[in-house]
Amino acid sequence: MDNSKFLGALFDQKMLSILTHFLENKNSNLYLREISVITKVPVATTFRILKKLTDLEIIKLNQINRFKFYQLNDNERVAQLSALISKNPVDRFVSKIKGVEGVESVLLYAEKTTSANLLIIGTKLDSEKIEVAIKDVKIEFNFMVRYATSTAKRFEQQLSMGMISQPKKVLWKSI
């Protein structure tokens, strides 16, 4: 059973629709009715689901005067849900390797529809675990992840000397 079928069986389809929308649009700040229209979930059901997700601290409620906006929270629960639900192969890859010992950060340099080029920064990286994550993403999404590794010090030196360019995006960084 693939992830989407598994999650569909585990979660209510309407909740999954709302969660997926927020996870794919992390910075969106929406009214109740907007969420209902976008996800095609009735307003009353959307309200009930948002209340539950707010209580679980997955969604946060921002109130300005009498207006209520809902936004995805930024915490470990959301990160775990994102790893489960995400349909983005790069996000899935990052969720698989961020727990690998020695990984300090993952930087995106290029992304196309079928591949991505990443720089993994860390010390004493377990290349076998990284290769397993690449294989899993290739099988699940038919997506190729290419990567290079570097230590933080070496990366900073190369960056300051102009030997490498700034990354497009920092995908993950340990605290």
Protein backbone atom coordinates (compact mmCIF):
# COMPACT_ATOMS: atom_id res chain seq x y z
CA MET A 1 0.00 0.00 0.00
CA ASP A 2 1.56 3.32 -1.05
CA ASN A 3 1.67 6.36 1.26
CA SER A 4 -1.29 8.21 -0.26
CA LYS A 5 -3.62 5.19 0.06
CA PHE A 6 -2.34 4.47 3.57
CA LEU A 7 -2.90 8.05 4.70
CA GLY A 8 -6.32 8.12 3.04
CA ALA A 9 -7.30 5.07 5.07
CA LEU A 10 -5.80 6.46 8.26
CA PHE A 11 -7.14 10.03 8.07
CA ASP A 12 -10.52 11.38 7.13
CA GLN A 13 -10.24 12.46 3.47
CA LYS A 14 -11.49 15.97 4.29
CA MET A 15 -8.90 16.44 7.02
CA LEU A 16 -6.22 15.14 4.69
CA SER A 17 -7.30 17.66 2.05
CA ILE A 18 -7.00 20.56 4.52
CA LEU A 19 -3.68 19.33 5.92
CA THR A 20 -2.24 18.82 2.43
CA HIS A 21 -3.27 22.33 1.41
CA PHE A 22 -1.52 23.91 4.39
CA LEU A 23 1.58 21.74 4.02
CA GLU A 24 1.91 22.64 0.35
CA ASN A 25 1.28 26.35 1.04
CA LYS A 26 3.22 26.85 4.25
CA ASN A 27 2.97 30.64 4.37
CA SER A 28 -0.71 30.93 3.52
CA ASN A 29 -2.86 32.91 5.94
CA LEU A 30 -6.51 32.13 5.11
CA TYR A 31 -10.05 32.74 6.30
CA LEU A 32 -12.30 29.81 7.14
CA ARG A 33 -14.38 30.25 3.97
CA GLU A 34 -11.28 30.47 1.75
CA ILE A 35 -10.02 27.17 3.12
CA SER A 36 -13.45 25.63 2.59
CA VAL A 37 -13.60 26.77 -1.06
CA ILE A 38 -10.01 25.78 -1.88
CA THR A 39 -10.28 22.31 -0.33
CA LYS A 40 -13.91 21.74 -1.37
CA VAL A 41 -14.83 20.84 2.22
CA PRO A 42 -18.10 22.23 3.67
CA VAL A 43 -17.65 25.27 5.95
CA ALA A 44 -18.97 23.55 9.10
CA THR A 45 -16.69 20.56 8.55
CA THR A 46 -13.75 22.86 7.80
CA PHE A 47 -14.42 24.71 11.07
CA ARG A 48 -14.51 21.45 13.04
CA ILE A 49 -11.28 20.21 11.45
CA LEU A 50 -9.49 23.54 11.98
CA LYS A 51 -10.58 23.56 15.63
CA LYS A 52 -9.07 20.09 16.09
CA LEU A 53 -5.85 21.03 14.25
CA THR A 54 -5.59 24.23 16.29
CA ASP A 55 -6.01 22.29 19.54
CA LEU A 56 -3.21 19.95 18.37
CA GLU A 57 -1.04 23.02 17.58
CA ILE A 58 -0.70 22.03 13.94
CA ILE A 59 -2.56 25.11 12.74
CA LYS A 60 -2.41 28.45 14.50
CA LEU A 61 -5.24 30.94 14.68
CA ASN A 62 -4.31 34.58 14.13
CA GLN A 63 -7.01 37.04 15.09
CA ILE A 64 -6.88 40.65 13.91
CA ASN A 65 -9.83 42.59 15.28
CA ARG A 66 -12.79 40.43 14.32
CA PHE A 67 -11.02 38.62 11.49
CA LYS A 68 -9.65 35.12 12.00
CA PHE A 69 -6.86 33.74 9.84
CA TYR A 70 -5.51 30.21 9.92
CA GLN A 71 -1.87 29.42 9.26
CA LEU A 72 0.37 26.37 9.48
CA ASN A 73 2.31 26.28 12.73
CA ASP A 74 6.08 25.78 12.72
CA ASN A 75 6.88 22.97 15.16
CA GLU A 76 8.04 19.35 15.33
CA ARG A 77 4.52 17.93 14.93
CA VAL A 78 4.12 19.79 11.65
CA ALA A 79 7.53 18.59 10.48
CA GLN A 80 6.53 14.99 11.19
CA LEU A 81 3.21 15.39 9.38
CA SER A 82 4.95 17.02 6.45
CA ALA A 83 7.29 14.06 6.15
CA LEU A 84 4.30 11.71 6.04
CA ILE A 85 2.01 13.68 3.76
CA SER A 86 4.39 15.61 1.52
CA LYS A 87 4.16 14.88 -2.17
CA ASN A 88 7.37 16.80 -2.79
CA PRO A 89 10.31 14.43 -3.40
CA VAL A 90 12.89 16.93 -2.12
CA ASP A 91 10.98 17.41 1.14
CA ARG A 92 10.66 13.64 1.49
CA PHE A 93 14.41 13.20 0.93
CA VAL A 94 15.24 15.87 3.52
CA SER A 95 12.91 14.26 6.06
CA LYS A 96 14.72 10.95 5.52
CA ILE A 97 18.26 12.29 5.95
CA LYS A 98 17.90 14.97 8.60
CA GLY A 99 18.11 12.25 11.24
CA VAL A 100 21.33 10.81 9.79
CA GLU A 101 24.19 11.30 12.21
CA GLY A 102 26.48 14.15 11.23
CA VAL A 103 24.05 15.98 8.92
CA GLU A 104 24.03 19.65 9.86
CA SER A 105 22.16 21.20 6.94
CA VAL A 106 20.82 20.53 3.46
CA LEU A 107 21.02 23.20 0.76
CA LEU A 108 19.18 23.31 -2.56
CA TYR A 109 21.16 24.44 -5.59
CA ALA A 110 18.92 23.39 -8.48
CA GLU A 111 15.56 21.71 -8.86
CA LYS A 112 13.81 20.48 -11.97
CA THR A 113 10.70 18.38 -12.37
CA THR A 114 12.69 15.13 -12.32
CA SER A 115 15.81 15.97 -10.31
CA ALA A 116 17.48 18.17 -7.72
CA ASN A 117 21.06 19.11 -6.86
CA LEU A 118 21.76 19.38 -3.14
CA LEU A 119 24.70 20.13 -0.89
CA ILE A 120 24.71 18.21 2.38
CA ILE A 121 26.81 19.84 5.07
CA GLY A 122 28.12 17.87 8.00
CA THR A 123 30.91 15.79 9.45
CA LYS A 124 31.44 12.05 9.25
CA LEU A 125 28.32 11.60 7.10
CA ASP A 126 26.92 8.11 6.65
CA SER A 127 26.86 7.93 2.84
CA GLU A 128 25.09 4.54 2.91
CA LYS A 129 22.05 6.04 4.66
CA ILE A 130 22.04 8.97 2.25
CA GLU A 131 22.15 6.55 -0.71
CA VAL A 132 19.24 4.56 0.76
CA ALA A 133 17.19 7.79 1.01
CA ILE A 134 18.06 8.63 -2.61
CA LYS A 135 16.96 5.15 -3.72
CA ASP A 136 13.68 5.43 -1.77
CA VAL A 137 12.87 8.80 -3.36
CA LYS A 138 13.78 7.46 -6.80
CA ILE A 139 11.40 4.50 -6.35
CA GLU A 140 8.55 6.47 -4.77
CA PHE A 141 8.64 9.58 -7.01
CA ASN A 142 10.82 8.62 -10.01
CA PHE A 143 12.95 11.59 -8.95
CA MET A 144 16.74 11.82 -8.97
CA VAL A 145 18.61 13.48 -6.12
CA ARG A 146 22.23 14.38 -6.83
CA TYR A 147 24.34 15.60 -3.96
CA ALA A 148 27.75 16.69 -2.82
CA THR A 149 29.00 16.89 0.75
CA SER A 150 31.07 19.41 2.62
CA THR A 151 31.96 20.44 6.14
CA ALA A 152 30.54 23.74 7.38
CA LYS A 153 34.01 25.32 7.56
CA ARG A 154 34.94 24.27 4.04
CA PHE A 155 31.58 25.46 2.69
CA GLU A 156 32.04 28.91 4.30
CA GLN A 157 35.59 29.18 2.91
CA GLN A 158 34.52 28.23 -0.61
CA LEU A 159 31.56 30.60 -0.44
CA SER A 160 33.72 33.53 0.74
CA MET A 161 36.27 32.86 -2.02
CA GLY A 162 33.57 32.76 -4.69
CA MET A 163 34.34 29.15 -5.52
CA ILE A 164 30.69 28.20 -5.10
CA SER A 165 27.51 30.24 -5.38
CA GLN A 166 24.90 30.94 -2.75
CA PRO A 167 22.32 28.13 -2.52
CA LYS A 168 18.81 28.82 -3.79
CA LYS A 169 17.36 27.69 -0.48
CA VAL A 170 18.28 26.21 2.88
CA LEU A 171 16.02 23.16 3.09
CA TRP A 172 16.96 22.12 6.60
CA LYS A 173 19.41 23.20 9.28
CA SER A 174 20.01 21.64 12.67
CA ILE A 175 19.64 23.92 15.63
